[in-house]
Protein backbone atom coordinates (compact mmCIF):
# COMPACT_ATOMS: atom_id res chain seq x y z
CA MET A 1 -3.83 -9.12 -2.58
CA SER A 2 -4.73 -9.93 -5.57
CA GLY A 3 -4.49 -9.78 -9.19
CA VAL A 4 -0.62 -8.88 -9.26
CA SER A 5 2.76 -11.74 -9.27
CA VAL A 6 5.71 -11.05 -7.24
CA GLY A 7 8.76 -12.11 -5.90
CA ASP A 8 10.47 -11.83 -1.93
CA PRO A 9 10.29 -8.43 -0.21
CA LYS A 10 12.88 -6.41 0.24
CA ASP A 11 12.25 -4.74 3.72
CA THR A 12 14.32 -1.18 4.32
CA PRO A 13 14.42 0.16 8.48
CA GLY A 14 14.28 3.66 9.70
CA ASN A 15 12.30 6.39 9.96
CA THR A 16 9.75 5.06 7.01
CA TYR A 17 9.63 1.35 7.34
CA ALA A 18 8.68 -0.10 4.01
CA ARG A 19 9.13 -3.07 3.02
CA GLU A 20 8.65 -3.27 -1.00
CA TYR A 21 7.74 -5.90 -3.49
CA ARG A 22 8.18 -6.60 -6.94
CA GLY A 23 6.97 -8.55 -9.96
CA SER A 24 3.67 -7.72 -12.03
CA ALA A 25 0.60 -7.14 -12.75
CA THR A 26 -1.72 -10.31 -13.77
CA GLY A 27 -4.59 -8.06 -15.18
CA ASN A 28 -5.98 -4.72 -15.79
CA ASN A 29 -7.40 -4.15 -12.00
CA VAL A 30 -5.32 -5.07 -8.24
CA HIS A 31 -7.73 -6.38 -5.23
CA VAL A 32 -5.64 -5.20 -1.99
CA THR A 33 -7.82 -6.02 1.35
CA GLY A 34 -7.23 -6.14 4.61
CA GLY A 35 -7.33 -4.01 7.21
CA PHE A 36 -5.39 -0.76 9.72
CA TYR A 37 -4.69 -1.44 13.34
CA PHE A 38 -4.74 1.84 15.16
CA THR A 39 -3.23 1.34 18.88
CA GLY A 40 -3.92 4.37 21.23
CA PRO A 41 -1.82 7.28 21.64
CA ALA A 42 2.37 6.17 21.67
CA SER A 43 3.08 9.87 23.24
CA LYS A 44 2.37 11.83 25.51
CA GLY A 45 0.82 14.30 23.83
CA GLY A 46 -0.88 12.96 22.12
CA THR A 47 -0.98 10.19 18.64
CA THR A 48 -3.17 10.23 15.50
CA TRP A 49 -2.72 7.54 12.67
CA ASP A 50 -2.62 7.74 9.16
CA GLY A 51 -4.06 5.41 6.95
CA SER A 52 -3.86 5.16 2.97
CA VAL A 53 -4.39 2.79 0.03
CA ARG A 54 -3.10 4.27 -3.27
CA LEU A 55 -1.57 3.75 -6.81
CA TYR A 56 1.03 6.04 -8.12
CA ASP A 57 3.57 5.83 -11.26
CA VAL A 58 7.00 4.62 -11.24
CA PRO A 59 9.18 6.71 -13.97
CA TRP A 60 12.73 7.05 -13.64
CA PRO A 61 14.20 8.70 -12.34
CA TYR A 62 12.09 8.41 -9.83
CA ASP A 63 9.71 11.30 -8.60
CA GLU A 64 5.94 9.61 -8.35
CA ASN A 65 2.69 11.31 -9.19
CA LEU A 66 -0.66 9.48 -7.37
CA LEU A 67 -2.85 8.45 -9.98
CA ALA A 68 -5.33 7.64 -7.42
CA GLU A 69 -6.39 7.16 -3.83
CA LYS A 70 -9.70 4.44 -3.37
CA LEU A 71 -8.59 5.08 0.25
CA TYR A 72 -7.62 7.27 3.38
CA VAL A 73 -8.79 7.44 6.92
CA LYS A 74 -7.11 9.86 8.63
CA GLY A 75 -6.85 10.53 12.77
CA GLN A 76 -8.36 7.08 13.74
CA THR A 77 -7.11 6.39 17.26
CA GLY A 78 -8.01 2.94 18.60
CA ASP A 79 -10.03 2.47 16.14
CA TYR A 80 -9.26 -1.25 12.93
CA VAL A 81 -10.10 0.35 9.62
CA PRO A 82 -11.19 -2.47 7.23
CA PHE A 83 -10.58 -1.84 3.15
CA ASP A 84 -11.43 -3.44 0.44
CA VAL A 85 -10.35 -1.56 -2.41
CA TRP A 86 -9.30 -2.02 -6.55
CA LEU A 87 -6.72 -0.64 -8.47
CA SER A 88 -7.54 -0.06 -12.65
CA ILE A 89 -4.43 -0.17 -14.24
CA PRO A 90 -4.03 2.55 -16.48
CA ALA A 91 -2.83 1.08 -19.73
CA GLY A 92 -0.39 3.92 -20.26
CA GLU A 93 1.84 3.42 -17.28
CA GLU A 94 4.66 0.42 -17.41
CA TYR A 95 5.04 0.44 -13.90
CA VAL A 96 2.84 1.32 -10.97
CA ASP A 97 3.11 0.74 -8.05
CA VAL A 98 -0.08 0.21 -5.32
CA ARG A 99 1.82 1.45 -2.46
CA ILE A 100 0.15 1.02 1.68
CA GLU A 101 0.56 3.04 3.97
CA MET A 102 0.45 3.66 7.58
CA GLU A 103 1.27 7.21 9.75
CA GLY A 104 1.77 8.32 13.24
CA ASN A 105 1.76 11.90 13.79
CA TYR A 106 3.69 12.33 17.14
CA ALA A 107 2.68 15.73 19.09
CA ASN A 108 6.23 16.12 19.03
CA TRP A 109 6.12 16.80 14.51
CA GLN A 110 7.79 13.35 14.87
CA ASP A 111 6.19 11.29 12.52
CA ARG A 112 6.40 7.82 11.82
CA TYR A 113 6.18 5.39 8.65
CA LEU A 114 4.86 2.31 7.57
CA GLN A 115 4.84 1.29 4.25
CA VAL A 116 4.45 -2.04 2.06
CA ASP A 117 4.47 -1.19 -2.32
CA PHE A 118 3.72 -3.54 -4.73
CA ILE A 119 6.44 -2.05 -7.49
CA LEU A 120 4.02 -4.01 -10.65
CA LYS A 121 4.88 -4.24 -14.21
CA ASN A 122 1.91 -3.29 -16.40
CA PRO A 123 1.20 -6.65 -18.57
CA TYR A 124 -1.34 -3.85 -20.00
CA TYR A 125 1.36 -1.77 -21.48
CA GLY A 126 1.68 -0.04 -24.82
CA SER A 127 -1.40 -2.55 -25.95
CA GLY A 128 -4.36 -0.23 -25.44
CA GLY A 129 -5.27 -3.02 -22.63
CA GLY A 130 -5.54 -1.20 -19.95
CA SER A 131 -9.14 -0.58 -17.76
CA SER A 132 -10.86 2.78 -16.83
CA TYR A 133 -13.04 0.60 -14.90
CA GLY A 134 -12.73 0.71 -10.75
CA GLY A 135 -14.12 -3.16 -9.78
CA PRO A 136 -13.20 -6.86 -11.12
CA SER A 137 -11.97 -7.15 -14.72
CA ASP A 138 -14.67 -8.25 -16.31
CA ASP A 139 -11.86 -10.32 -18.78
CA GLY A 140 -11.68 -13.68 -16.05
CA GLN A 141 -7.95 -11.37 -15.53
CA GLY A 142 -7.56 -8.81 -13.38
CA ASP A 143 -8.80 -11.18 -9.46
CA GLY A 144 -7.72 -15.27 -9.84
CA GLU A 145 -4.24 -15.04 -10.53
CA GLY A 146 -1.23 -14.51 -9.18
CA CYS A 147 0.20 -14.45 -5.56
CA CYS A 148 -1.18 -14.31 -2.02
CA CYS A 149 0.73 -12.08 -0.40
CA ALA A 150 -2.37 -10.73 2.45
CA ALA A 151 -0.38 -13.23 4.05
CA VAL A 152 1.93 -11.33 4.30
CA VAL A 153 1.30 -8.18 4.16
CA LEU A 154 -1.28 -7.63 6.71
CA PRO A 155 0.30 -9.14 9.92
CA LEU A 156 2.85 -6.63 8.58
CA LEU A 157 1.17 -3.19 8.85
CA ALA A 158 -0.76 -5.08 12.08
CA MET A 159 2.03 -4.79 13.84
CA GLY A 160 3.81 -1.51 12.71
CA ALA A 161 1.53 0.42 15.26
CA ALA A 162 4.86 -1.06 17.72
CA PHE A 163 6.79 -0.81 15.61
CA VAL A 164 6.56 2.64 15.12
CA ASP A 165 6.19 3.41 19.01
CA LYS A 166 9.45 1.21 19.36
CA ALA A 167 11.41 3.27 17.25
CA LEU A 168 10.09 6.39 18.20
CA LYS A 169 11.81 5.67 21.81
CA LYS A 170 15.10 4.62 20.18
CA ASN A 171 15.07 8.61 18.89
């Protein structure tokens, strides 16, 4: 992930295992790369896996609205699905949530989620400097700065299928 500067993550276990980073965007765009690895069925009735990379607003109190969906794969089983997406940060949003999410859809309707959120302050909020372009920033600020968090986030997603399977067996 590039175009962000974030602090240490906070993990929250449960039916949705979440990892949250807080910080700020360093430009108009955020570049998210990686991949989802979907294992085979985790229950006898069959399991499918969904994955998505989305951009939400972050109003207070929390009631998110989808701003952009750049990747959504549904019903994948036993596949590796790479992704390379750009998300533009609207100038009118003070905070945004870049969410990478994996969902296990079990035959018994007890879905489990693995979610990585980047809650980011928009450095251009109120200045009219946001972008509507979905690719690299022409001003040179969108991709070259900030924390490179892919080394932390992607192993969490890759291990998600095993975690979801283990969590289901406990319940």
